[in-house]
PDB file of N, CA and C in Angstrom:
ATOM      1  N   MET A   1     -10.321  12.796  -5.146  1.00  0.00           N
ATOM      2  CA  MET A   1     -10.051  12.248  -3.621  1.00  0.00           C
ATOM      3  C   MET A   1      -9.534  11.329  -3.215  1.00  0.00           C
ATOM      4  N   VAL A   2      -9.031  10.454  -2.997  1.00  0.00           N
ATOM      5  CA  VAL A   2      -8.294   9.509  -3.217  1.00  0.00           C
ATOM      6  C   VAL A   2      -8.639   8.435  -2.551  1.00  0.00           C
ATOM      7  N   ASP A   3      -8.830   6.703  -2.554  1.00  0.00           N
ATOM      8  CA  ASP A   3      -9.150   6.403  -2.339  1.00  0.00           C
ATOM      9  C   ASP A   3      -9.634   5.381  -1.003  1.00  0.00           C
ATOM     10  N   ALA A   4      -9.806   6.647   0.010  1.00  0.00           N
ATOM     11  CA  ALA A   4     -10.099   5.846   1.468  1.00  0.00           C
ATOM     12  C   ALA A   4      -9.244   4.643   2.028  1.00  0.00           C
ATOM     13  N   HIS A   5     -10.516   3.633   1.067  1.00  0.00           N
ATOM     14  CA  HIS A   5     -10.583   2.388   1.373  1.00  0.00           C
ATOM     15  C   HIS A   5      -9.179   1.514   0.978  1.00  0.00           C
ATOM     16  N   LEU A   6      -8.621   1.986  -0.043  1.00  0.00           N
ATOM     17  CA  LEU A   6      -7.333   2.138  -0.052  1.00  0.00           C
ATOM     18  C   LEU A   6      -6.102   1.795   1.327  1.00  0.00           C
ATOM     19  N   VAL A   7      -6.168   3.408   1.086  1.00  0.00           N
ATOM     20  CA  VAL A   7      -5.132   4.061   2.024  1.00  0.00           C
ATOM     21  C   VAL A   7      -5.612   3.743   3.515  1.00  0.00           C
ATOM     22  N   ALA A   8      -6.986   2.992   4.335  1.00  0.00           N
ATOM     23  CA  ALA A   8      -7.239   1.551   5.179  1.00  0.00           C
ATOM     24  C   ALA A   8      -6.261   1.041   4.869  1.00  0.00           C
ATOM     25  N   ARG A   9      -6.264   0.367   3.740  1.00  0.00           N
ATOM     26  CA  ARG A   9      -6.182  -1.294   4.219  1.00  0.00           C
ATOM     27  C   ARG A   9      -4.415  -0.665   4.060  1.00  0.00           C
ATOM     28  N   VAL A  10      -3.767  -0.414   3.475  1.00  0.00           N
ATOM     29  CA  VAL A  10      -2.154   0.180   3.425  1.00  0.00           C
ATOM     30  C   VAL A  10      -1.421   0.309   5.065  1.00  0.00           C
ATOM     31  N   CYS A  11      -2.479   1.509   5.555  1.00  0.00           N
ATOM     32  CA  CYS A  11      -2.236   1.322   6.651  1.00  0.00           C
ATOM     33  C   CYS A  11      -2.266   0.484   7.879  1.00  0.00           C
ATOM     34  N   HIS A  12      -3.061  -0.205   7.431  1.00  0.00           N
ATOM     35  CA  HIS A  12      -3.207  -2.296   8.653  1.00  0.00           C
ATOM     36  C   HIS A  12      -2.590  -2.518   7.834  1.00  0.00           C
ATOM     37  N   LEU A  13      -2.014  -2.814   6.759  1.00  0.00           N
ATOM     38  CA  LEU A  13      -0.785  -3.640   6.704  1.00  0.00           C
ATOM     39  C   LEU A  13       0.650  -3.090   7.576  1.00  0.00           C
ATOM     40  N   LEU A  14       0.554  -1.718   7.853  1.00  0.00           N
ATOM     41  CA  LEU A  14       1.969  -1.302   8.617  1.00  0.00           C
ATOM     42  C   LEU A  14       1.920  -2.189   9.421  1.00  0.00           C
ATOM     43  N   PRO A  15       1.071  -1.479  11.050  1.00  0.00           N
ATOM     44  CA  PRO A  15       1.540  -2.038  12.058  1.00  0.00           C
ATOM     45  C   PRO A  15       1.755  -4.151  12.018  1.00  0.00           C
ATOM     46  N   LEU A  16       1.085  -4.340  11.548  1.00  0.00           N
ATOM     47  CA  LEU A  16       0.976  -6.486  11.107  1.00  0.00           C
ATOM     48  C   LEU A  16       2.883  -6.939  10.247  1.00  0.00           C
ATOM     49  N   LEU A  17       3.332  -5.676   9.911  1.00  0.00           N
ATOM     50  CA  LEU A  17       4.603  -6.394   8.745  1.00  0.00           C
ATOM     51  C   LEU A  17       5.810  -6.011  10.404  1.00  0.00           C
ATOM     52  N   SER A  18       4.925  -4.892  11.247  1.00  0.00           N
ATOM     53  CA  SER A  18       6.144  -4.560  11.463  1.00  0.00           C
ATOM     54  C   SER A  18       6.077  -5.477  12.759  1.00  0.00           C
ATOM     55  N   CYS A  19       5.502  -5.493  13.426  1.00  0.00           N
ATOM     56  CA  CYS A  19       5.520  -7.008  14.858  1.00  0.00           C
ATOM     57  C   CYS A  19       5.173  -7.910  14.706  1.00  0.00           C
ATOM     58  N   ARG A  20       3.392  -8.512  14.395  1.00  0.00           N
ATOM     59  CA  ARG A  20       3.160 -10.069  14.448  1.00  0.00           C
ATOM     60  C   ARG A  20       3.894 -11.067  13.665  1.00  0.00           C
ATOM     61  N   TRP A  21       3.803 -10.799  12.762  1.00  0.00           N
ATOM     62  CA  TRP A  21       4.890 -12.324  12.009  1.00  0.00           C
ATOM     63  C   TRP A  21       6.193 -11.999  12.801  1.00  0.00           C
ATOM     64  N   THR A  22       7.188 -10.934  13.010  1.00  0.00           N
ATOM     65  CA  THR A  22       8.149 -11.387  12.808  1.00  0.00           C
ATOM     66  C   THR A  22       8.044 -11.501  14.939  1.00  0.00           C
ATOM     67  N   GLU A  23       7.339 -11.255  15.431  1.00  0.00           N
ATOM     68  CA  GLU A  23       7.130 -11.668  17.553  1.00  0.00           C
ATOM     69  C   GLU A  23       7.500 -12.972  16.607  1.00  0.00           C
ATOM     70  N   LYS A  24       6.199 -13.740  16.220  1.00  0.00           N
ATOM     71  CA  LYS A  24       5.572 -15.004  16.019  1.00  0.00           C
ATOM     72  C   LYS A  24       6.654 -15.621  15.192  1.00  0.00           C
ATOM     73  N   ALA A  25       7.692 -15.047  14.933  1.00  0.00           N
ATOM     74  CA  ALA A  25       8.565 -16.064  14.370  1.00  0.00           C
ATOM     75  C   ALA A  25       9.882 -16.373  15.439  1.00  0.00           C
ATOM     76  N   SER A  26      10.001 -15.567  16.670  1.00  0.00           N
ATOM     77  CA  SER A  26      10.689 -15.383  17.100  1.00  0.00           C
ATOM     78  C   SER A  26      10.427 -15.653  18.709  1.00  0.00           C
ATOM     79  N   SER A  27       9.261 -16.129  18.418  1.00  0.00           N
ATOM     80  CA  SER A  27       9.149 -17.133  19.326  1.00  0.00           C
ATOM     81  C   SER A  27       8.783 -18.852  19.183  1.00  0.00           C
ATOM     82  N   ALA A  28       8.446 -18.691  17.966  1.00  0.00           N
ATOM     83  CA  ALA A  28       9.155 -20.497  17.644  1.00  0.00           C
ATOM     84  C   ALA A  28      10.369 -20.629  17.734  1.00  0.00           C
ATOM     85  N   LEU A  29      11.543 -20.011  16.744  1.00  0.00           N
ATOM     86  CA  LEU A  29      12.766 -19.881  16.976  1.00  0.00           C
ATOM     87  C   LEU A  29      13.128 -20.994  18.603  1.00  0.00           C
ATOM     88  N   LYS A  30      12.124 -19.912  19.607  1.00  0.00           N
ATOM     89  CA  LYS A  30      12.927 -19.827  20.587  1.00  0.00           C
ATOM     90  C   LYS A  30      12.779 -21.755  21.604  1.00  0.00           C
ATOM     91  N   GLN A  31      11.216 -21.662  20.923  1.00  0.00           N
ATOM     92  CA  GLN A  31      10.852 -22.861  20.745  1.00  0.00           C
ATOM     93  C   GLN A  31      10.957 -23.999  20.420  1.00  0.00           C
ATOM     94  N   ASN A  32      11.720 -24.394  18.764  1.00  0.00           N
ATOM     95  CA  ASN A  32      12.451 -24.938  18.043  1.00  0.00           C
ATOM     96  C   ASN A  32      12.470 -25.523  17.108  1.00  0.00           C
ATOM     97  N   ARG A  33      11.606 -24.211  16.635  1.00  0.00           N
ATOM     98  CA  ARG A  33      10.213 -24.372  15.463  1.00  0.00           C
ATOM     99  C   ARG A  33      10.612 -24.096  14.385  1.00  0.00           C
ATOM    100  N   LYS A  34      11.387 -23.841  13.835  1.00  0.00           N
ATOM    101  CA  LYS A  34      12.814 -23.291  12.568  1.00  0.00           C
ATOM    102  C   LYS A  34      11.070 -23.430  11.996  1.00  0.00           C
ATOM    103  N   GLU A  35      10.563 -24.552  11.379  1.00  0.00           N
ATOM    104  CA  GLU A  35       9.340 -24.443  10.357  1.00  0.00           C
ATOM    105  C   GLU A  35       8.716 -23.064   9.915  1.00  0.00           C
ATOM    106  N   ILE A  36       7.880 -23.850  11.577  1.00  0.00           N
ATOM    107  CA  ILE A  36       6.848 -22.438  11.815  1.00  0.00           C
ATOM    108  C   ILE A  36       7.842 -21.426  11.886  1.00  0.00           C
ATOM    109  N   ALA A  37       8.508 -20.938  11.639  1.00  0.00           N
ATOM    110  CA  ALA A  37       9.860 -19.344  11.585  1.00  0.00           C
ATOM    111  C   ALA A  37       9.391 -19.406  10.709  1.00  0.00           C
ATOM    112  N   LEU A  38       9.313 -20.070   9.439  1.00  0.00           N
ATOM    113  CA  LEU A  38       9.760 -19.998   8.160  1.00  0.00           C
ATOM    114  C   LEU A  38       8.956 -19.862   7.375  1.00  0.00           C
ATOM    115  N   GLY A  39       7.112 -19.888   8.263  1.00  0.00           N
ATOM    116  CA  GLY A  39       6.286 -19.802   7.806  1.00  0.00           C
ATOM    117  C   GLY A  39       5.875 -18.310   7.858  1.00  0.00           C
ATOM    118  N   HIS A  40       5.315 -17.575   9.655  1.00  0.00           N
ATOM    119  CA  HIS A  40       6.435 -16.346   9.537  1.00  0.00           C
ATOM    120  C   HIS A  40       6.427 -15.977   9.014  1.00  0.00           C
ATOM    121  N   LEU A  41       8.255 -16.154   9.032  1.00  0.00           N
ATOM    122  CA  LEU A  41       8.862 -15.284   7.588  1.00  0.00           C
ATOM    123  C   LEU A  41       8.414 -14.871   6.536  1.00  0.00           C
ATOM    124  N   ARG A  42       7.777 -16.343   5.647  1.00  0.00           N
ATOM    125  CA  ARG A  42       6.911 -16.130   4.514  1.00  0.00           C
ATOM    126  C   ARG A  42       5.849 -14.969   4.556  1.00  0.00           C
ATOM    127  N   ALA A  43       4.775 -15.339   5.588  1.00  0.00           N
ATOM    128  CA  ALA A  43       3.327 -14.786   5.362  1.00  0.00           C
ATOM    129  C   ALA A  43       4.137 -13.241   5.944  1.00  0.00           C
ATOM    130  N   ARG A  44       5.304 -13.451   6.176  1.00  0.00           N
ATOM    131  CA  ARG A  44       5.078 -11.030   6.664  1.00  0.00           C
ATOM    132  C   ARG A  44       6.053 -10.855   5.509  1.00  0.00           C
ATOM    133  N   LYS A  45       6.409 -11.907   4.597  1.00  0.00           N
ATOM    134  CA  LYS A  45       7.065 -10.732   3.356  1.00  0.00           C
ATOM    135  C   LYS A  45       5.822 -11.269   2.504  1.00  0.00           C
ATOM    136  N   GLN A  46       5.295 -11.753   2.027  1.00  0.00           N
ATOM    137  CA  GLN A  46       4.142 -12.130   1.026  1.00  0.00           C
ATOM    138  C   GLN A  46       3.156 -10.452   2.151  1.00  0.00           C
ATOM    139  N   LEU A  47       3.209 -10.434   3.030  1.00  0.00           N
ATOM    140  CA  LEU A  47       2.347  -8.611   3.952  1.00  0.00           C
ATOM    141  C   LEU A  47       2.867  -7.813   3.051  1.00  0.00           C
ATOM    142  N   GLU A  48       4.162  -8.013   2.877  1.00  0.00           N
ATOM    143  CA  GLU A  48       5.552  -6.939   2.421  1.00  0.00           C
ATOM    144  C   GLU A  48       5.038  -6.069   0.637  1.00  0.00           C
ATOM    145  N   ASP A  49       4.513  -7.736   0.515  1.00  0.00           N
ATOM    146  CA  ASP A  49       4.206  -7.466  -0.915  1.00  0.00           C
ATOM    147  C   ASP A  49       3.828  -7.217  -1.475  1.00  0.00           C
ATOM    148  N   ILE A  50       2.179  -7.139  -0.730  1.00  0.00           N
ATOM    149  CA  ILE A  50       0.907  -7.106  -0.729  1.00  0.00           C
ATOM    150  C   ILE A  50       1.025  -4.746  -0.666  1.00  0.00           C
ATOM    151  N   LEU A  51       1.561  -4.457   0.034  1.00  0.00           N
ATOM    152  CA  LEU A  51       2.052  -3.404   0.968  1.00  0.00           C
ATOM    153  C   LEU A  51       2.717  -2.571  -0.506  1.00  0.00           C
ATOM    154  N   VAL A  52       3.780  -2.946  -0.977  1.00  0.00           N
ATOM    155  CA  VAL A  52       4.478  -3.091  -2.151  1.00  0.00           C
ATOM    156  C   VAL A  52       3.094  -2.324  -3.139  1.00  0.00           C
ATOM    157  N   LYS A  53       2.600  -2.795  -3.523  1.00  0.00           N
ATOM    158  CA  LYS A  53       2.054  -2.989  -4.833  1.00  0.00           C
ATOM    159  C   LYS A  53       0.286  -2.144  -4.452  1.00  0.00           C
ATOM    160  N   ARG A  54       0.176  -1.650  -2.983  1.00  0.00           N
ATOM    161  CA  ARG A  54      -0.603  -0.916  -2.687  1.00  0.00           C
ATOM    162  C   ARG A  54      -0.614   0.189  -2.620  1.00  0.00           C
ATOM    163  N   SER A  55       1.046   0.461  -2.218  1.00  0.00           N
ATOM    164  CA  SER A  55       1.146   1.636  -2.288  1.00  0.00           C
ATOM    165  C   SER A  55       1.323   1.845  -3.346  1.00  0.00           C
ATOM    166  N   LYS A  56       2.276   0.869  -4.883  1.00  0.00           N
ATOM    167  CA  LYS A  56       2.343   1.311  -5.487  1.00  0.00           C
ATOM    168  C   LYS A  56       0.636   1.402  -6.441  1.00  0.00           C
ATOM    169  N   ALA A  57      -0.131   0.788  -5.955  1.00  0.00           N
ATOM    170  CA  ALA A  57      -1.599   1.711  -6.685  1.00  0.00           C
ATOM    171  C   ALA A  57      -2.375   3.432  -6.254  1.00  0.00           C
ATOM    172  N   LEU A  58      -1.802   3.312  -4.816  1.00  0.00           N
ATOM    173  CA  LEU A  58      -2.104   4.353  -3.862  1.00  0.00           C
ATOM    174  C   LEU A  58      -1.195   4.639  -5.134  1.00  0.00           C
ATOM    175  N   GLU A  59      -0.862   5.140  -5.405  1.00  0.00           N
ATOM    176  CA  GLU A  59       0.630   5.835  -6.425  1.00  0.00           C
ATOM    177  C   GLU A  59      -0.050   6.870  -7.516  1.00  0.00           C
ATOM    178  N   ASN A  60      -0.308   5.468  -7.918  1.00  0.00           N
ATOM    179  CA  ASN A  60      -0.958   5.472  -9.291  1.00  0.00           C
ATOM    180  C   ASN A  60      -2.289   6.715  -9.206  1.00  0.00           C
ATOM    181  N   LEU A  61      -3.239   6.329  -8.044  1.00  0.00           N
ATOM    182  CA  LEU A  61      -4.209   6.907  -7.953  1.00  0.00           C
ATOM    183  C   LEU A  61      -4.120   8.792  -7.779  1.00  0.00           C
ATOM    184  N   GLU A  62      -2.958   8.584  -7.353  1.00  0.00           N
ATOM    185  CA  GLU A  62      -3.176  10.292  -6.787  1.00  0.00           C
ATOM    186  C   GLU A  62      -2.258  10.603  -7.893  1.00  0.00           C
ATOM    187  N   SER A  63      -1.563  10.285  -8.721  1.00  0.00           N
ATOM    188  CA  SER A  63      -1.105  10.544  -9.312  1.00  0.00           C
ATOM    189  C   SER A  63      -2.528  11.185 -10.692  1.00  0.00           C
ATOM    190  N   THR A  64      -2.952  10.205 -11.454  1.00  0.00           N
ATOM    191  CA  THR A  64      -4.221  10.398 -11.880  1.00  0.00           C
ATOM    192  C   THR A  64      -4.800  11.438 -11.156  1.00  0.00           C
ATOM    193  N   LEU A  65      -5.175  11.516 -10.380  1.00  0.00           N
ATOM    194  CA  LEU A  65      -6.029  12.501  -9.698  1.00  0.00           C
ATOM    195  C   LEU A  65      -5.679  13.704  -9.870  1.00  0.00           C
ATOM    196  N   TRP A  66      -4.014  14.084 -10.357  1.00  0.00           N
ATOM    197  CA  TRP A  66      -3.519  15.064  -9.945  1.00  0.00           C
ATOM    198  C   TRP A  66      -3.470  15.318 -11.493  1.00  0.00           C
ATOM    199  N   THR A  67      -3.696  14.722 -12.051  1.00  0.00           N
ATOM    200  CA  THR A  67      -3.618  14.846 -13.105  1.00  0.00           C
ATOM    201  C   THR A  67      -4.986  15.163 -14.210  1.00  0.00           C
ATOM    202  N   VAL A  68      -5.400  14.773 -13.721  1.00  0.00           N
ATOM    203  CA  VAL A  68      -7.120  14.663 -13.516  1.00  0.00           C
ATOM    204  C   VAL A  68      -7.988  16.387 -13.157  1.00  0.00           C
ATOM    205  N   GLU A  69      -7.055  16.743 -12.330  1.00  0.00           N
ATOM    206  CA  GLU A  69      -7.911  17.893 -11.293  1.00  0.00           C
ATOM    207  C   GLU A  69      -6.588  19.088 -12.165  1.00  0.00           C
ATOM    208  N   HIS A  70      -5.255  19.238 -13.321  1.00  0.00           N
ATOM    209  CA  HIS A  70      -4.715  19.601 -13.059  1.00  0.00           C
ATOM    210  C   HIS A  70      -5.647  20.119 -15.046  1.00  0.00           C
ATOM    211  N   ALA A  71      -6.119  18.682 -15.186  1.00  0.00           N
ATOM    212  CA  ALA A  71      -6.362  19.637 -16.328  1.00  0.00           C
ATOM    213  C   ALA A  71      -7.729  19.867 -16.693  1.00  0.00           C
ATOM    214  N   ALA A  72      -8.673  19.755 -15.692  1.00  0.00           N
ATOM    215  CA  ALA A  72     -10.034  20.059 -15.057  1.00  0.00           C
ATOM    216  C   ALA A  72      -9.594  22.061 -15.394  1.00  0.00           C
ATOM    217  N   GLY A  73      -8.298  22.375 -14.593  1.00  0.00           N
ATOM    218  CA  GLY A  73      -7.657  23.499 -14.458  1.00  0.00           C
ATOM    219  C   GLY A  73      -6.673  24.213 -15.610  1.00  0.00           C
ATOM    220  N   ASP A  74      -7.059  23.709 -16.357  1.00  0.00           N
ATOM    221  CA  ASP A  74      -6.612  24.173 -17.689  1.00  0.00           C
ATOM    222  C   ASP A  74      -7.602  24.428 -18.255  1.00  0.00           C
ATOM    223  N   VAL A  75      -8.570  23.620 -18.519  1.00  0.00           N
ATOM    224  CA  VAL A  75      -9.728  23.786 -19.490  1.00  0.00           C
ATOM    225  C   VAL A  75     -10.660  24.810 -19.617  1.00  0.00           C
ATOM    226  N   GLU A  76     -10.000  24.847 -17.922  1.00  0.00           N
ATOM    227  CA  GLU A  76     -11.126  26.863 -17.625  1.00  0.00           C
ATOM    228  C   GLU A  76     -10.224  28.502 -17.712  1.00  0.00           C
ATOM    229  N   VAL A  77      -8.832  27.492 -17.730  1.00  0.00           N
ATOM    230  CA  VAL A  77      -8.369  29.145 -17.793  1.00  0.00           C
ATOM    231  C   VAL A  77      -8.457  29.269 -19.405  1.00  0.00           C
ATOM    232  N   ILE A  78      -7.585  28.297 -20.370  1.00  0.00           N
ATOM    233  CA  ILE A  78      -8.572  28.658 -21.527  1.00  0.00           C
ATOM    234  C   ILE A  78      -9.540  29.083 -22.666  1.00  0.00           C
ATOM    235  N   PRO A  79      -9.751  29.637 -23.263  1.00  0.00           N
ATOM    236  CA  PRO A  79     -10.562  30.735 -23.363  1.00  0.00           C
ATOM    237  C   PRO A  79     -11.493  29.617 -24.261  1.00  0.00           C
ATOM    238  N   PRO A  80     -12.676  29.662 -24.816  1.00  0.00           N
ATOM    239  CA  PRO A  80     -13.529  28.641 -25.742  1.00  0.00           C
ATOM    240  C   PRO A  80     -13.094  29.429 -27.351  1.00  0.00           C
ATOM    241  N   HIS A  81     -12.045  28.489 -28.937  1.00  0.00           N
ATOM    242  CA  HIS A  81     -12.041  28.926 -30.004  1.00  0.00           C
ATOM    243  C   HIS A  81     -13.762  29.756 -30.181  1.00  0.00           C
ATOM    244  N   PRO A  82     -13.066  31.332 -31.209  1.00  0.00           N
ATOM    245  CA  PRO A  82     -14.484  30.958 -32.124  1.00  0.00           C
ATOM    246  C   PRO A  82     -14.832  30.291 -33.129  1.00  0.00           C
ATOM    247  N   SER A  83     -15.885  29.278 -33.220  1.00  0.00           N
ATOM    248  CA  SER A  83     -16.456  28.950 -34.983  1.00  0.00           C
ATOM    249  C   SER A  83     -16.239  29.996 -36.103  1.00  0.00           C
TER     250      SER A  83
END
């Protein structure tokens, strides 16, 4: 089974990226607070980077799990060699 905690963390980041930081940056720009807007955009970029890293980790876990399950299936199929 894939690490449920990692899946939950990746799913938690998606709405943060799409709305929260972009809206904050837009609001700051409307108030002529360019530095604040840039800070919000940097935060969004950091979250995007974290999401990419966690997605790659999740993909690696899934691939490893598949490999282990496949190898376990191969062990069941191959009869033991007589000594």
